[in-house]
Amino acid sequence: MTVLHRIRLFLILSAVCAVQAGSLAQRTTYGVTADVTNEAALLKAVTYTFVPGQPAYDKALDQLIIAAIDRELSARGVTKAPSGRSEIVVTYLSVRRTDVDLKSKPSPKDGTLREYPVGTLVVSISDPADRQKKLFNGRIDEPLDLDPATYETTIKTAVAAIFEKYPRKIKTP
């Protein structure tokens, strides 16, 4: 085999590997995932403090997310501590990205594939003595509707979906 043939073979194999790796990397699973590492501590906790994490870019959205988290924890019998010590520390992180629909038809105008906005929201609950010790991490990844009229409903639904995975269920009166 000549050097030229080896180079061509290398380039073909590299391209095949890149396409396979790219298709694996592009498989985005939307929905909710959660990791509970200390259910007993979560079931025992009755107070929490909120610590800012990576907030939403929009202050109004930030307040909607915090209010939704407060509502979900309150419904489970966990109240925000006015100040000082609590049994758990809560924070959230949010990110917005653009995904590409690899199965869409290329645009006749410029050949690009369809793009759409996706939001990721993570609610993290940790031990107040060691914030690196996570007790619960809930995450939701979902395509977004960018109509401001839908933001509040979208946030409430997303936070409620995360807390469906929380060990303590909603208290009924």
C-alpha atoms as a PDB file:
ATOM      1  CA  MET A   1       0.000   0.000   0.000  1.00  0.00           C
ATOM      2  CA  THR A   2       1.425   3.348  -0.994  1.00  0.00           C
ATOM      3  CA  VAL A   3       1.654   6.329   1.276  1.00  0.00           C
ATOM      4  CA  LEU A   4      -1.092   8.048  -0.717  1.00  0.00           C
ATOM      5  CA  HIS A   5      -3.427   5.070  -0.193  1.00  0.00           C
ATOM      6  CA  ARG A   6      -2.661   5.055   3.538  1.00  0.00           C
ATOM      7  CA  ILE A   7      -3.465   8.745   3.796  1.00  0.00           C
ATOM      8  CA  ARG A   8      -6.769   8.261   1.941  1.00  0.00           C
ATOM      9  CA  LEU A   9      -7.669   5.295   4.146  1.00  0.00           C
ATOM     10  CA  PHE A  10      -6.807   7.308   7.252  1.00  0.00           C
ATOM     11  CA  LEU A  11      -8.950  10.236   6.096  1.00  0.00           C
ATOM     12  CA  ILE A  12     -11.905   7.967   5.287  1.00  0.00           C
ATOM     13  CA  LEU A  13     -11.683   6.187   8.647  1.00  0.00           C
ATOM     14  CA  SER A  14     -11.351   9.518  10.438  1.00  0.00           C
ATOM     15  CA  ALA A  15     -14.436  10.852   8.663  1.00  0.00           C
ATOM     16  CA  VAL A  16     -16.461   7.738   9.529  1.00  0.00           C
ATOM     17  CA  CYS A  17     -15.419   7.954  13.181  1.00  0.00           C
ATOM     18  CA  ALA A  18     -16.217  11.671  13.295  1.00  0.00           C
ATOM     19  CA  VAL A  19     -19.693  11.100  11.843  1.00  0.00           C
ATOM     20  CA  GLN A  20     -20.397   8.273  14.294  1.00  0.00           C
ATOM     21  CA  ALA A  21     -19.097  10.287  17.258  1.00  0.00           C
ATOM     22  CA  GLY A  22     -21.047  13.329  16.094  1.00  0.00           C
ATOM     23  CA  SER A  23     -24.283  11.393  15.809  1.00  0.00           C
ATOM     24  CA  LEU A  24     -23.757   9.975  19.302  1.00  0.00           C
ATOM     25  CA  ALA A  25     -23.003  13.408  20.702  1.00  0.00           C
ATOM     26  CA  GLN A  26     -26.084  14.884  19.026  1.00  0.00           C
ATOM     27  CA  ARG A  27     -28.518  12.502  20.692  1.00  0.00           C
ATOM     28  CA  THR A  28     -30.113  14.744  23.249  1.00  0.00           C
ATOM     29  CA  THR A  29     -32.487  13.206  25.720  1.00  0.00           C
ATOM     30  CA  TYR A  30     -35.141  15.650  26.764  1.00  0.00           C
ATOM     31  CA  GLY A  31     -37.034  15.302  30.011  1.00  0.00           C
ATOM     32  CA  VAL A  32     -36.243  14.996  33.707  1.00  0.00           C
ATOM     33  CA  THR A  33     -33.415  13.173  35.422  1.00  0.00           C
ATOM     34  CA  ALA A  34     -32.694  13.105  39.127  1.00  0.00           C
ATOM     35  CA  ASP A  35     -30.069  11.807  41.482  1.00  0.00           C
ATOM     36  CA  VAL A  36     -30.958  11.283  45.150  1.00  0.00           C
ATOM     37  CA  THR A  37     -27.894  10.540  47.274  1.00  0.00           C
ATOM     38  CA  ASN A  38     -29.296  10.920  50.791  1.00  0.00           C
ATOM     39  CA  GLU A  39     -33.031  10.316  50.971  1.00  0.00           C
ATOM     40  CA  ALA A  40     -33.040  10.187  54.791  1.00  0.00           C
ATOM     41  CA  ALA A  41     -31.623  13.722  55.087  1.00  0.00           C
ATOM     42  CA  LEU A  42     -34.168  15.034  52.573  1.00  0.00           C
ATOM     43  CA  LEU A  43     -37.073  13.381  54.383  1.00  0.00           C
ATOM     44  CA  LYS A  44     -35.895  14.761  57.736  1.00  0.00           C
ATOM     45  CA  ALA A  45     -35.306  18.352  56.546  1.00  0.00           C
ATOM     46  CA  VAL A  46     -37.935  20.930  57.437  1.00  0.00           C
ATOM     47  CA  THR A  47     -36.034  24.149  56.639  1.00  0.00           C
ATOM     48  CA  TYR A  48     -33.873  25.339  53.779  1.00  0.00           C
ATOM     49  CA  THR A  49     -31.852  28.339  52.723  1.00  0.00           C
ATOM     50  CA  PHE A  50     -31.493  29.486  49.142  1.00  0.00           C
ATOM     51  CA  VAL A  51     -28.065  30.275  47.710  1.00  0.00           C
ATOM     52  CA  PRO A  52     -27.685  31.856  44.255  1.00  0.00           C
ATOM     53  CA  GLY A  53     -26.169  29.550  41.631  1.00  0.00           C
ATOM     54  CA  GLN A  54     -26.139  30.282  37.906  1.00  0.00           C
ATOM     55  CA  PRO A  55     -29.335  32.307  37.588  1.00  0.00           C
ATOM     56  CA  ALA A  56     -31.431  32.909  34.506  1.00  0.00           C
ATOM     57  CA  TYR A  57     -30.194  35.764  32.335  1.00  0.00           C
ATOM     58  CA  ASP A  58     -33.466  37.615  32.887  1.00  0.00           C
ATOM     59  CA  LYS A  59     -34.137  38.818  36.461  1.00  0.00           C
ATOM     60  CA  ALA A  60     -37.899  38.256  36.067  1.00  0.00           C
ATOM     61  CA  LEU A  61     -37.284  34.627  35.042  1.00  0.00           C
ATOM     62  CA  ASP A  62     -34.904  34.236  37.980  1.00  0.00           C
ATOM     63  CA  GLN A  63     -37.648  35.337  40.370  1.00  0.00           C
ATOM     64  CA  LEU A  64     -40.187  32.995  38.716  1.00  0.00           C
ATOM     65  CA  ILE A  65     -37.811  30.041  39.118  1.00  0.00           C
ATOM     66  CA  ILE A  66     -37.088  30.840  42.770  1.00  0.00           C
ATOM     67  CA  ALA A  67     -40.819  31.251  43.473  1.00  0.00           C
ATOM     68  CA  ALA A  68     -41.576  27.897  41.809  1.00  0.00           C
ATOM     69  CA  ILE A  69     -38.872  26.172  43.874  1.00  0.00           C
ATOM     70  CA  ASP A  70     -40.225  27.805  47.049  1.00  0.00           C
ATOM     71  CA  ARG A  71     -43.748  26.632  46.145  1.00  0.00           C
ATOM     72  CA  GLU A  72     -42.652  23.025  45.512  1.00  0.00           C
ATOM     73  CA  LEU A  73     -40.634  22.783  48.733  1.00  0.00           C
ATOM     74  CA  SER A  74     -43.403  24.408  50.751  1.00  0.00           C
ATOM     75  CA  ALA A  75     -45.919  21.904  49.352  1.00  0.00           C
ATOM     76  CA  ARG A  76     -43.632  19.181  50.702  1.00  0.00           C
ATOM     77  CA  GLY A  77     -43.489  20.700  54.190  1.00  0.00           C
ATOM     78  CA  VAL A  78     -40.059  22.328  53.830  1.00  0.00           C
ATOM     79  CA  THR A  79     -40.001  26.039  54.667  1.00  0.00           C
ATOM     80  CA  LYS A  80     -37.458  28.729  53.919  1.00  0.00           C
ATOM     81  CA  ALA A  81     -35.442  29.615  56.998  1.00  0.00           C
ATOM     82  CA  PRO A  82     -35.646  33.355  57.701  1.00  0.00           C
ATOM     83  CA  SER A  83     -31.899  33.470  58.311  1.00  0.00           C
ATOM     84  CA  GLY A  84     -29.151  31.409  59.785  1.00  0.00           C
ATOM     85  CA  ARG A  85     -29.049  27.635  59.882  1.00  0.00           C
ATOM     86  CA  SER A  86     -31.176  25.168  57.957  1.00  0.00           C
ATOM     87  CA  GLU A  87     -31.098  21.430  57.257  1.00  0.00           C
ATOM     88  CA  ILE A  88     -30.572  21.830  53.503  1.00  0.00           C
ATOM     89  CA  VAL A  89     -29.243  24.405  51.031  1.00  0.00           C
ATOM     90  CA  VAL A  90     -31.000  24.891  47.689  1.00  0.00           C
ATOM     91  CA  THR A  91     -29.675  26.455  44.507  1.00  0.00           C
ATOM     92  CA  TYR A  92     -30.476  26.324  40.824  1.00  0.00           C
ATOM     93  CA  LEU A  93     -28.597  26.632  37.572  1.00  0.00           C
ATOM     94  CA  SER A  94     -30.070  27.482  34.199  1.00  0.00           C
ATOM     95  CA  VAL A  95     -28.747  27.512  30.687  1.00  0.00           C
ATOM     96  CA  ARG A  96     -30.236  28.156  27.282  1.00  0.00           C
ATOM     97  CA  ARG A  97     -28.744  26.648  24.157  1.00  0.00           C
ATOM     98  CA  THR A  98     -29.608  26.046  20.525  1.00  0.00           C
ATOM     99  CA  ASP A  99     -30.021  22.493  19.250  1.00  0.00           C
ATOM    100  CA  VAL A 100     -30.032  21.428  15.616  1.00  0.00           C
ATOM    101  CA  ASP A 101     -32.573  18.983  14.196  1.00  0.00           C
ATOM    102  CA  LEU A 102     -30.286  16.601  12.322  1.00  0.00           C
ATOM    103  CA  LYS A 103     -33.281  14.888  10.715  1.00  0.00           C
ATOM    104  CA  SER A 104     -34.719  18.085   9.238  1.00  0.00           C
ATOM    105  CA  LYS A 105     -34.400  18.906   5.569  1.00  0.00           C
ATOM    106  CA  PRO A 106     -31.742  21.502   4.722  1.00  0.00           C
ATOM    107  CA  SER A 107     -33.088  24.946   3.986  1.00  0.00           C
ATOM    108  CA  PRO A 108     -33.265  25.556   0.239  1.00  0.00           C
ATOM    109  CA  LYS A 109     -32.055  29.101   0.871  1.00  0.00           C
ATOM    110  CA  ASP A 110     -28.750  28.393   2.647  1.00  0.00           C
ATOM    111  CA  GLY A 111     -28.585  24.639   3.340  1.00  0.00           C
ATOM    112  CA  THR A 112     -28.806  24.960   7.115  1.00  0.00           C
ATOM    113  CA  LEU A 113     -30.792  22.566   9.277  1.00  0.00           C
ATOM    114  CA  ARG A 114     -33.649  23.616  11.568  1.00  0.00           C
ATOM    115  CA  GLU A 115     -32.506  25.057  14.903  1.00  0.00           C
ATOM    116  CA  TYR A 116     -34.543  25.434  18.072  1.00  0.00           C
ATOM    117  CA  PRO A 117     -33.959  26.789  21.591  1.00  0.00           C
ATOM    118  CA  VAL A 118     -33.564  24.366  24.496  1.00  0.00           C
ATOM    119  CA  GLY A 119     -33.536  25.165  28.192  1.00  0.00           C
ATOM    120  CA  THR A 120     -31.772  23.279  30.962  1.00  0.00           C
ATOM    121  CA  LEU A 121     -32.726  23.800  34.589  1.00  0.00           C
ATOM    122  CA  VAL A 122     -30.945  22.071  37.468  1.00  0.00           C
ATOM    123  CA  VAL A 123     -32.176  22.232  41.059  1.00  0.00           C
ATOM    124  CA  SER A 124     -29.461  21.183  43.474  1.00  0.00           C
ATOM    125  CA  ILE A 125     -29.942  20.500  47.177  1.00  0.00           C
ATOM    126  CA  SER A 126     -26.932  20.024  49.395  1.00  0.00           C
ATOM    127  CA  ASP A 127     -25.790  19.618  52.972  1.00  0.00           C
ATOM    128  CA  PRO A 128     -25.284  23.040  54.611  1.00  0.00           C
ATOM    129  CA  ALA A 129     -22.109  21.896  56.380  1.00  0.00           C
ATOM    130  CA  ASP A 130     -20.523  20.725  53.118  1.00  0.00           C
ATOM    131  CA  ARG A 131     -22.123  22.180  50.007  1.00  0.00           C
ATOM    132  CA  GLN A 132     -20.100  19.807  47.835  1.00  0.00           C
ATOM    133  CA  LYS A 133     -22.124  16.973  49.399  1.00  0.00           C
ATOM    134  CA  LYS A 134     -25.177  16.864  47.134  1.00  0.00           C
ATOM    135  CA  LEU A 135     -28.347  15.312  48.515  1.00  0.00           C
ATOM    136  CA  PHE A 136     -30.501  15.816  45.412  1.00  0.00           C
ATOM    137  CA  ASN A 137     -29.886  16.977  41.859  1.00  0.00           C
ATOM    138  CA  GLY A 138     -32.864  17.293  39.544  1.00  0.00           C
ATOM    139  CA  ARG A 139     -32.462  18.330  35.925  1.00  0.00           C
ATOM    140  CA  ILE A 140     -34.824  19.050  33.071  1.00  0.00           C
ATOM    141  CA  ASP A 141     -33.893  19.643  29.440  1.00  0.00           C
ATOM    142  CA  GLU A 142     -36.736  20.751  27.171  1.00  0.00           C
ATOM    143  CA  PRO A 143     -37.247  22.666  23.924  1.00  0.00           C
ATOM    144  CA  LEU A 144     -38.436  26.188  24.716  1.00  0.00           C
ATOM    145  CA  ASP A 145     -41.304  28.316  23.514  1.00  0.00           C
ATOM    146  CA  LEU A 146     -39.827  31.825  23.362  1.00  0.00           C
ATOM    147  CA  ASP A 147     -43.194  33.550  23.695  1.00  0.00           C
ATOM    148  CA  PRO A 148     -42.959  35.572  26.939  1.00  0.00           C
ATOM    149  CA  ALA A 149     -46.632  34.813  27.643  1.00  0.00           C
ATOM    150  CA  THR A 150     -45.671  31.141  28.241  1.00  0.00           C
ATOM    151  CA  TYR A 151     -42.674  31.681  30.530  1.00  0.00           C
ATOM    152  CA  GLU A 152     -44.447  31.441  33.878  1.00  0.00           C
ATOM    153  CA  THR A 153     -46.344  28.273  32.966  1.00  0.00           C
ATOM    154  CA  THR A 154     -43.217  26.715  31.450  1.00  0.00           C
ATOM    155  CA  ILE A 155     -41.187  27.410  34.598  1.00  0.00           C
ATOM    156  CA  LYS A 156     -43.873  26.137  36.985  1.00  0.00           C
ATOM    157  CA  THR A 157     -44.271  22.964  34.924  1.00  0.00           C
ATOM    158  CA  ALA A 158     -40.509  22.380  34.690  1.00  0.00           C
ATOM    159  CA  VAL A 159     -39.894  22.852  38.419  1.00  0.00           C
ATOM    160  CA  ALA A 160     -42.893  20.668  39.300  1.00  0.00           C
ATOM    161  CA  ALA A 161     -41.540  17.937  36.992  1.00  0.00           C
ATOM    162  CA  ILE A 162     -38.162  18.053  38.748  1.00  0.00           C
ATOM    163  CA  PHE A 163     -39.790  17.797  42.177  1.00  0.00           C
ATOM    164  CA  GLU A 164     -41.806  14.765  41.085  1.00  0.00           C
ATOM    165  CA  LYS A 165     -38.463  12.967  41.526  1.00  0.00           C
ATOM    166  CA  TYR A 166     -37.948  14.414  45.021  1.00  0.00           C
ATOM    167  CA  PRO A 167     -38.316  11.771  47.781  1.00  0.00           C
ATOM    168  CA  ARG A 168     -40.809  13.756  49.853  1.00  0.00           C
ATOM    169  CA  LYS A 169     -44.211  13.914  48.169  1.00  0.00           C
ATOM    170  CA  ILE A 170     -46.672  16.794  48.347  1.00  0.00           C
ATOM    171  CA  LYS A 171     -48.431  16.995  51.699  1.00  0.00           C
ATOM    172  CA  THR A 172     -52.213  16.912  51.523  1.00  0.00           C
ATOM    173  CA  PRO A 173     -54.237  18.823  54.133  1.00  0.00           C
END
